[in-house]
Amino acid sequence: MSEAGFAPARPGHDAAETLRDAIMERAARAVGRIDAQGIRAITGLSVIEIDAMATALLMLGLVPVPPGGRWPPDRTTQQKGGE
């Protein structure tokens, strides 16, 4: 594991793709813990797991809203209807 807690790229695999897969897997496992254990699981999440969930949301196109910022009309970077 690297210092960030993600496995290094596998031979023959793109490093960026491997990192994306690792982030999505870590986020999915954290969400799975919350789903299985309820709100109690949230206090047991690591900073890395919380970061993975936030990063996964960004990767999926969620537009971040800064504290005190306005909720944007286009809430994701994806266009409606797959455009």
PDB file of N, CA and C in Angstrom:
ATOM      1  N   MET A   1       0.834  -1.186   0.000  1.00  0.00           N
ATOM      2  CA  MET A   1       0.000   0.000   0.000  1.00  0.00           C
ATOM      3  C   MET A   1       0.874   1.244   0.000  1.00  0.00           C
ATOM      4  N   SER A   2       0.396   2.269  -0.672  1.00  0.00           N
ATOM      5  CA  SER A   2       1.113   3.540  -0.670  1.00  0.00           C
ATOM      6  C   SER A   2       0.829   4.270   0.633  1.00  0.00           C
ATOM      7  N   GLU A   3       1.493   5.419   0.824  1.00  0.00           N
ATOM      8  CA  GLU A   3       1.266   6.165   2.060  1.00  0.00           C
ATOM      9  C   GLU A   3      -0.153   6.702   2.146  1.00  0.00           C
ATOM     10  N   ALA A   4      -0.829   6.859   0.994  1.00  0.00           N
ATOM     11  CA  ALA A   4      -2.220   7.314   1.016  1.00  0.00           C
ATOM     12  C   ALA A   4      -3.178   6.160   1.280  1.00  0.00           C
ATOM     13  N   GLY A   5      -2.648   4.940   1.342  1.00  0.00           N
ATOM     14  CA  GLY A   5      -3.481   3.789   1.634  1.00  0.00           C
ATOM     15  C   GLY A   5      -4.030   3.095   0.410  1.00  0.00           C
ATOM     16  N   PHE A   6      -3.561   3.445  -0.770  1.00  0.00           N
ATOM     17  CA  PHE A   6      -4.024   2.814  -1.990  1.00  0.00           C
ATOM     18  C   PHE A   6      -2.920   1.952  -2.572  1.00  0.00           C
ATOM     19  N   ALA A   7      -3.311   0.846  -3.171  1.00  0.00           N
ATOM     20  CA  ALA A   7      -2.342  -0.065  -3.772  1.00  0.00           C
ATOM     21  C   ALA A   7      -1.702   0.592  -4.992  1.00  0.00           C
ATOM     22  N   PRO A   8      -0.426   0.295  -5.273  1.00  0.00           N
ATOM     23  CA  PRO A   8       0.218   0.841  -6.470  1.00  0.00           C
ATOM     24  C   PRO A   8      -0.407   0.246  -7.727  1.00  0.00           C
ATOM     25  N   ALA A   9      -0.188   0.901  -8.856  1.00  0.00           N
ATOM     26  CA  ALA A   9      -0.741   0.433 -10.124  1.00  0.00           C
ATOM     27  C   ALA A   9      -0.252  -0.973 -10.427  1.00  0.00           C
ATOM     28  N   ARG A  10      -1.157  -1.778 -10.959  1.00  0.00           N
ATOM     29  CA  ARG A  10      -0.802  -3.141 -11.340  1.00  0.00           C
ATOM     30  C   ARG A  10      -0.128  -3.110 -12.702  1.00  0.00           C
ATOM     31  N   PRO A  11       0.806  -4.027 -12.956  1.00  0.00           N
ATOM     32  CA  PRO A  11       1.455  -4.067 -14.272  1.00  0.00           C
ATOM     33  C   PRO A  11       0.401  -4.206 -15.375  1.00  0.00           C
ATOM     34  N   GLY A  12       0.547  -3.412 -16.414  1.00  0.00           N
ATOM     35  CA  GLY A  12      -0.383  -3.462 -17.536  1.00  0.00           C
ATOM     36  C   GLY A  12      -1.656  -2.658 -17.325  1.00  0.00           C
ATOM     37  N   HIS A  13      -1.781  -1.986 -16.202  1.00  0.00           N
ATOM     38  CA  HIS A  13      -2.956  -1.170 -15.923  1.00  0.00           C
ATOM     39  C   HIS A  13      -2.539   0.291 -15.792  1.00  0.00           C
ATOM     40  N   ASP A  14      -3.388   1.163 -16.278  1.00  0.00           N
ATOM     41  CA  ASP A  14      -3.156   2.595 -16.186  1.00  0.00           C
ATOM     42  C   ASP A  14      -3.213   3.023 -14.718  1.00  0.00           C
ATOM     43  N   ALA A  15      -2.227   3.795 -14.276  1.00  0.00           N
ATOM     44  CA  ALA A  15      -2.162   4.214 -12.869  1.00  0.00           C
ATOM     45  C   ALA A  15      -3.384   5.037 -12.470  1.00  0.00           C
ATOM     46  N   ALA A  16      -3.852   5.916 -13.359  1.00  0.00           N
ATOM     47  CA  ALA A  16      -5.023   6.744 -13.042  1.00  0.00           C
ATOM     48  C   ALA A  16      -6.270   5.880 -12.888  1.00  0.00           C
ATOM     49  N   GLU A  17      -6.413   4.879 -13.757  1.00  0.00           N
ATOM     50  CA  GLU A  17      -7.562   3.976 -13.669  1.00  0.00           C
ATOM     51  C   GLU A  17      -7.510   3.168 -12.374  1.00  0.00           C
ATOM     52  N   THR A  18      -6.326   2.703 -12.019  1.00  0.00           N
ATOM     53  CA  THR A  18      -6.159   1.950 -10.778  1.00  0.00           C
ATOM     54  C   THR A  18      -6.514   2.823  -9.580  1.00  0.00           C
ATOM     55  N   LEU A  19      -6.092   4.082  -9.593  1.00  0.00           N
ATOM     56  CA  LEU A  19      -6.402   4.994  -8.494  1.00  0.00           C
ATOM     57  C   LEU A  19      -7.898   5.259  -8.416  1.00  0.00           C
ATOM     58  N   ARG A  20      -8.538   5.498  -9.574  1.00  0.00           N
ATOM     59  CA  ARG A  20      -9.997   5.703  -9.594  1.00  0.00           C
ATOM     60  C   ARG A  20     -10.718   4.495  -9.002  1.00  0.00           C
ATOM     61  N   ASP A  21     -10.304   3.304  -9.426  1.00  0.00           N
ATOM     62  CA  ASP A  21     -10.929   2.082  -8.911  1.00  0.00           C
ATOM     63  C   ASP A  21     -10.744   1.967  -7.402  1.00  0.00           C
ATOM     64  N   ALA A  22      -9.553   2.291  -6.907  1.00  0.00           N
ATOM     65  CA  ALA A  22      -9.274   2.201  -5.473  1.00  0.00           C
ATOM     66  C   ALA A  22     -10.119   3.202  -4.689  1.00  0.00           C
ATOM     67  N   ILE A  23     -10.254   4.415  -5.217  1.00  0.00           N
ATOM     68  CA  ILE A  23     -11.068   5.437  -4.547  1.00  0.00           C
ATOM     69  C   ILE A  23     -12.525   4.993  -4.502  1.00  0.00           C
ATOM     70  N   MET A  24     -13.043   4.524  -5.637  1.00  0.00           N
ATOM     71  CA  MET A  24     -14.437   4.102  -5.689  1.00  0.00           C
ATOM     72  C   MET A  24     -14.684   2.904  -4.773  1.00  0.00           C
ATOM     73  N   GLU A  25     -13.741   1.967  -4.726  1.00  0.00           N
ATOM     74  CA  GLU A  25     -13.909   0.812  -3.842  1.00  0.00           C
ATOM     75  C   GLU A  25     -13.905   1.244  -2.377  1.00  0.00           C
ATOM     76  N   ARG A  26     -12.965   2.100  -2.015  1.00  0.00           N
ATOM     77  CA  ARG A  26     -12.895   2.555  -0.621  1.00  0.00           C
ATOM     78  C   ARG A  26     -14.172   3.301  -0.249  1.00  0.00           C
ATOM     79  N   ALA A  27     -14.667   4.156  -1.146  1.00  0.00           N
ATOM     80  CA  ALA A  27     -15.905   4.896  -0.885  1.00  0.00           C
ATOM     81  C   ALA A  27     -17.086   3.940  -0.750  1.00  0.00           C
ATOM     82  N   ALA A  28     -17.156   2.955  -1.627  1.00  0.00           N
ATOM     83  CA  ALA A  28     -18.255   1.986  -1.584  1.00  0.00           C
ATOM     84  C   ALA A  28     -18.236   1.181  -0.290  1.00  0.00           C
ATOM     85  N   ARG A  29     -17.056   0.809   0.170  1.00  0.00           N
ATOM     86  CA  ARG A  29     -16.953   0.060   1.427  1.00  0.00           C
ATOM     87  C   ARG A  29     -17.366   0.929   2.620  1.00  0.00           C
ATOM     88  N   ALA A  30     -17.000   2.204   2.593  1.00  0.00           N
ATOM     89  CA  ALA A  30     -17.401   3.113   3.674  1.00  0.00           C
ATOM     90  C   ALA A  30     -18.918   3.288   3.688  1.00  0.00           C
ATOM     91  N   VAL A  31     -19.505   3.469   2.512  1.00  0.00           N
ATOM     92  CA  VAL A  31     -20.958   3.595   2.424  1.00  0.00           C
ATOM     93  C   VAL A  31     -21.617   2.286   2.866  1.00  0.00           C
ATOM     94  N   GLY A  32     -21.004   1.166   2.525  1.00  0.00           N
ATOM     95  CA  GLY A  32     -21.521  -0.128   2.961  1.00  0.00           C
ATOM     96  C   GLY A  32     -21.541  -0.262   4.475  1.00  0.00           C
ATOM     97  N   ARG A  33     -20.492   0.239   5.125  1.00  0.00           N
ATOM     98  CA  ARG A  33     -20.462   0.220   6.598  1.00  0.00           C
ATOM     99  C   ARG A  33     -21.598   1.055   7.169  1.00  0.00           C
ATOM    100  N   ILE A  34     -21.796   2.235   6.590  1.00  0.00           N
ATOM    101  CA  ILE A  34     -22.874   3.110   7.061  1.00  0.00           C
ATOM    102  C   ILE A  34     -24.229   2.446   6.821  1.00  0.00           C
ATOM    103  N   ASP A  35     -24.390   1.820   5.664  1.00  0.00           N
ATOM    104  CA  ASP A  35     -25.643   1.152   5.333  1.00  0.00           C
ATOM    105  C   ASP A  35     -25.919  -0.002   6.294  1.00  0.00           C
ATOM    106  N   ALA A  36     -24.881  -0.755   6.632  1.00  0.00           N
ATOM    107  CA  ALA A  36     -25.047  -1.921   7.504  1.00  0.00           C
ATOM    108  C   ALA A  36     -25.207  -1.547   8.971  1.00  0.00           C
ATOM    109  N   GLN A  37     -24.464  -0.533   9.426  1.00  0.00           N
ATOM    110  CA  GLN A  37     -24.426  -0.215  10.855  1.00  0.00           C
ATOM    111  C   GLN A  37     -25.197   1.046  11.231  1.00  0.00           C
ATOM    112  N   GLY A  38     -25.660   1.771  10.242  1.00  0.00           N
ATOM    113  CA  GLY A  38     -26.403   2.996  10.524  1.00  0.00           C
ATOM    114  C   GLY A  38     -25.488   4.143  10.928  1.00  0.00           C
ATOM    115  N   ILE A  39     -26.087   5.137  11.532  1.00  0.00           N
ATOM    116  CA  ILE A  39     -25.371   6.369  11.869  1.00  0.00           C
ATOM    117  C   ILE A  39     -24.183   6.119  12.795  1.00  0.00           C
ATOM    118  N   ARG A  40     -24.237   5.053  13.573  1.00  0.00           N
ATOM    119  CA  ARG A  40     -23.130   4.711  14.479  1.00  0.00           C
ATOM    120  C   ARG A  40     -21.828   4.502  13.709  1.00  0.00           C
ATOM    121  N   ALA A  41     -21.921   4.007  12.489  1.00  0.00           N
ATOM    122  CA  ALA A  41     -20.722   3.734  11.691  1.00  0.00           C
ATOM    123  C   ALA A  41     -19.999   5.011  11.282  1.00  0.00           C
ATOM    124  N   ILE A  42     -20.715   6.112  11.179  1.00  0.00           N
ATOM    125  CA  ILE A  42     -20.106   7.362  10.717  1.00  0.00           C
ATOM    126  C   ILE A  42     -18.962   7.789  11.628  1.00  0.00           C
ATOM    127  N   THR A  43     -19.140   7.628  12.925  1.00  0.00           N
ATOM    128  CA  THR A  43     -18.089   8.054  13.850  1.00  0.00           C
ATOM    129  C   THR A  43     -16.855   7.172  13.772  1.00  0.00           C
ATOM    130  N   GLY A  44     -16.977   5.991  13.181  1.00  0.00           N
ATOM    131  CA  GLY A  44     -15.841   5.085  13.064  1.00  0.00           C
ATOM    132  C   GLY A  44     -15.098   5.190  11.746  1.00  0.00           C
ATOM    133  N   LEU A  45     -15.558   6.058  10.841  1.00  0.00           N
ATOM    134  CA  LEU A  45     -14.886   6.194   9.551  1.00  0.00           C
ATOM    135  C   LEU A  45     -13.560   6.929   9.711  1.00  0.00           C
ATOM    136  N   SER A  46     -12.597   6.534   8.902  1.00  0.00           N
ATOM    137  CA  SER A  46     -11.306   7.228   8.910  1.00  0.00           C
ATOM    138  C   SER A  46     -11.384   8.460   8.009  1.00  0.00           C
ATOM    139  N   VAL A  47     -10.419   9.329   8.158  1.00  0.00           N
ATOM    140  CA  VAL A  47     -10.333  10.510   7.296  1.00  0.00           C
ATOM    141  C   VAL A  47     -10.163  10.070   5.842  1.00  0.00           C
ATOM    142  N   ILE A  48      -9.413   9.008   5.623  1.00  0.00           N
ATOM    143  CA  ILE A  48      -9.200   8.508   4.260  1.00  0.00           C
ATOM    144  C   ILE A  48     -10.519   8.024   3.664  1.00  0.00           C
ATOM    145  N   GLU A  49     -11.353   7.341   4.456  1.00  0.00           N
ATOM    146  CA  GLU A  49     -12.649   6.872   3.952  1.00  0.00           C
ATOM    147  C   GLU A  49     -13.573   8.048   3.636  1.00  0.00           C
ATOM    148  N   ILE A  50     -13.579   9.052   4.485  1.00  0.00           N
ATOM    149  CA  ILE A  50     -14.409  10.237   4.239  1.00  0.00           C
ATOM    150  C   ILE A  50     -13.921  10.966   2.990  1.00  0.00           C
ATOM    151  N   ASP A  51     -12.605  11.083   2.844  1.00  0.00           N
ATOM    152  CA  ASP A  51     -12.027  11.713   1.659  1.00  0.00           C
ATOM    153  C   ASP A  51     -12.389  10.924   0.404  1.00  0.00           C
ATOM    154  N   ALA A  52     -12.360   9.605   0.482  1.00  0.00           N
ATOM    155  CA  ALA A  52     -12.714   8.774  -0.672  1.00  0.00           C
ATOM    156  C   ALA A  52     -14.169   8.992  -1.070  1.00  0.00           C
ATOM    157  N   MET A  53     -15.067   9.099  -0.084  1.00  0.00           N
ATOM    158  CA  MET A  53     -16.474   9.345  -0.407  1.00  0.00           C
ATOM    159  C   MET A  53     -16.649  10.712  -1.070  1.00  0.00           C
ATOM    160  N   ALA A  54     -15.991  11.739  -0.546  1.00  0.00           N
ATOM    161  CA  ALA A  54     -16.087  13.077  -1.139  1.00  0.00           C
ATOM    162  C   ALA A  54     -15.493  13.087  -2.544  1.00  0.00           C
ATOM    163  N   THR A  55     -14.355  12.426  -2.713  1.00  0.00           N
ATOM    164  CA  THR A  55     -13.713  12.360  -4.026  1.00  0.00           C
ATOM    165  C   THR A  55     -14.588  11.607  -5.014  1.00  0.00           C
ATOM    166  N   ALA A  56     -15.224  10.528  -4.568  1.00  0.00           N
ATOM    167  CA  ALA A  56     -16.117   9.769  -5.444  1.00  0.00           C
ATOM    168  C   ALA A  56     -17.277  10.642  -5.919  1.00  0.00           C
ATOM    169  N   LEU A  57     -17.834  11.455  -5.025  1.00  0.00           N
ATOM    170  CA  LEU A  57     -18.915  12.355  -5.432  1.00  0.00           C
ATOM    171  C   LEU A  57     -18.441  13.335  -6.498  1.00  0.00           C
ATOM    172  N   LEU A  58     -17.238  13.865  -6.330  1.00  0.00           N
ATOM    173  CA  LEU A  58     -16.682  14.773  -7.339  1.00  0.00           C
ATOM    174  C   LEU A  58     -16.451  14.040  -8.652  1.00  0.00           C
ATOM    175  N   MET A  59     -15.934  12.817  -8.581  1.00  0.00           N
ATOM    176  CA  MET A  59     -15.685  12.023  -9.786  1.00  0.00           C
ATOM    177  C   MET A  59     -16.987  11.713 -10.521  1.00  0.00           C
ATOM    178  N   LEU A  60     -18.079  11.585  -9.769  1.00  0.00           N
ATOM    179  CA  LEU A  60     -19.380  11.297 -10.365  1.00  0.00           C
ATOM    180  C   LEU A  60     -20.078  12.557 -10.873  1.00  0.00           C
ATOM    181  N   GLY A  61     -19.450  13.722 -10.659  1.00  0.00           N
ATOM    182  CA  GLY A  61     -19.961  14.948 -11.255  1.00  0.00           C
ATOM    183  C   GLY A  61     -20.675  15.912 -10.336  1.00  0.00           C
ATOM    184  N   LEU A  62     -20.702  15.651  -9.043  1.00  0.00           N
ATOM    185  CA  LEU A  62     -21.352  16.591  -8.131  1.00  0.00           C
ATOM    186  C   LEU A  62     -20.567  17.896  -8.088  1.00  0.00           C
ATOM    187  N   VAL A  63     -21.271  19.007  -8.196  1.00  0.00           N
ATOM    188  CA  VAL A  63     -20.634  20.320  -8.155  1.00  0.00           C
ATOM    189  C   VAL A  63     -20.513  20.750  -6.694  1.00  0.00           C
ATOM    190  N   PRO A  64     -19.292  21.033  -6.216  1.00  0.00           N
ATOM    191  CA  PRO A  64     -19.145  21.461  -4.826  1.00  0.00           C
ATOM    192  C   PRO A  64     -19.711  22.863  -4.606  1.00  0.00           C
ATOM    193  N   VAL A  65     -20.318  23.059  -3.446  1.00  0.00           N
ATOM    194  CA  VAL A  65     -20.853  24.363  -3.061  1.00  0.00           C
ATOM    195  C   VAL A  65     -20.076  24.818  -1.829  1.00  0.00           C
ATOM    196  N   PRO A  66     -19.351  25.942  -1.914  1.00  0.00           N
ATOM    197  CA  PRO A  66     -18.580  26.406  -0.758  1.00  0.00           C
ATOM    198  C   PRO A  66     -19.503  26.832   0.384  1.00  0.00           C
ATOM    199  N   PRO A  67     -18.994  26.832   1.623  1.00  0.00           N
ATOM    200  CA  PRO A  67     -19.814  27.280   2.748  1.00  0.00           C
ATOM    201  C   PRO A  67     -20.399  28.665   2.467  1.00  0.00           C
ATOM    202  N   GLY A  68     -21.692  28.786   2.646  1.00  0.00           N
ATOM    203  CA  GLY A  68     -22.373  30.056   2.400  1.00  0.00           C
ATOM    204  C   GLY A  68     -22.659  30.312   0.932  1.00  0.00           C
ATOM    205  N   GLY A  69     -22.222  29.400   0.061  1.00  0.00           N
ATOM    206  CA  GLY A  69     -22.437  29.566  -1.375  1.00  0.00           C
ATOM    207  C   GLY A  69     -23.865  29.242  -1.771  1.00  0.00           C
ATOM    208  N   ARG A  70     -24.235  29.667  -2.958  1.00  0.00           N
ATOM    209  CA  ARG A  70     -25.574  29.409  -3.483  1.00  0.00           C
ATOM    210  C   ARG A  70     -25.633  28.022  -4.088  1.00  0.00           C
ATOM    211  N   TRP A  71     -26.764  27.387  -3.940  1.00  0.00           N
ATOM    212  CA  TRP A  71     -27.003  26.082  -4.548  1.00  0.00           C
ATOM    213  C   TRP A  71     -27.117  26.301  -6.052  1.00  0.00           C
ATOM    214  N   PRO A  72     -26.227  25.705  -6.854  1.00  0.00           N
ATOM    215  CA  PRO A  72     -26.218  25.987  -8.293  1.00  0.00           C
ATOM    216  C   PRO A  72     -27.404  25.342  -9.014  1.00  0.00           C
ATOM    217  N   PRO A  73     -27.890  25.992 -10.075  1.00  0.00           N
ATOM    218  CA  PRO A  73     -28.985  25.389 -10.844  1.00  0.00           C
ATOM    219  C   PRO A  73     -28.537  24.072 -11.492  1.00  0.00           C
ATOM    220  N   ASP A  74     -27.277  24.021 -11.931  1.00  0.00           N
ATOM    221  CA  ASP A  74     -26.724  22.782 -12.482  1.00  0.00           C
ATOM    222  C   ASP A  74     -25.953  22.105 -11.359  1.00  0.00           C
ATOM    223  N   ARG A  75     -26.601  21.155 -10.708  1.00  0.00           N
ATOM    224  CA  ARG A  75     -26.030  20.545  -9.512  1.00  0.00           C
ATOM    225  C   ARG A  75     -24.937  19.531  -9.808  1.00  0.00           C
ATOM    226  N   THR A  76     -24.872  19.102 -11.047  1.00  0.00           N
ATOM    227  CA  THR A  76     -23.811  18.173 -11.435  1.00  0.00           C
ATOM    228  C   THR A  76     -23.159  18.680 -12.705  1.00  0.00           C
ATOM    229  N   THR A  77     -22.003  18.126 -13.007  1.00  0.00           N
ATOM    230  CA  THR A  77     -21.323  18.493 -14.245  1.00  0.00           C
ATOM    231  C   THR A  77     -21.919  17.751 -15.428  1.00  0.00           C
ATOM    232  N   GLN A  78     -22.818  16.793 -15.173  1.00  0.00           N
ATOM    233  CA  GLN A  78     -23.461  16.018 -16.231  1.00  0.00           C
ATOM    234  C   GLN A  78     -24.695  16.762 -16.729  1.00  0.00           C
ATOM    235  N   GLN A  79     -24.923  16.726 -18.019  1.00  0.00           N
ATOM    236  CA  GLN A  79     -26.104  17.352 -18.597  1.00  0.00           C
ATOM    237  C   GLN A  79     -27.275  16.379 -18.539  1.00  0.00           C
ATOM    238  N   LYS A  80     -28.483  16.901 -18.407  1.00  0.00           N
ATOM    239  CA  LYS A  80     -29.675  16.049 -18.402  1.00  0.00           C
ATOM    240  C   LYS A  80     -29.845  15.409 -19.765  1.00  0.00           C
ATOM    241  N   GLY A  81     -30.340  14.195 -19.766  1.00  0.00           N
ATOM    242  CA  GLY A  81     -30.577  13.490 -21.017  1.00  0.00           C
ATOM    243  C   GLY A  81     -29.318  12.936 -21.646  1.00  0.00           C
ATOM    244  N   GLY A  82     -28.226  12.882 -20.896  1.00  0.00           N
ATOM    245  CA  GLY A  82     -26.988  12.300 -21.400  1.00  0.00           C
ATOM    246  C   GLY A  82     -26.270  13.149 -22.422  1.00  0.00           C
ATOM    247  N   GLU A  83     -26.615  14.431 -22.506  1.00  0.00           N
ATOM    248  CA  GLU A  83     -25.978  15.319 -23.490  1.00  0.00           C
ATOM    249  C   GLU A  83     -24.573  15.670 -23.079  1.00  0.00           C
TER     250      GLU A  83
END
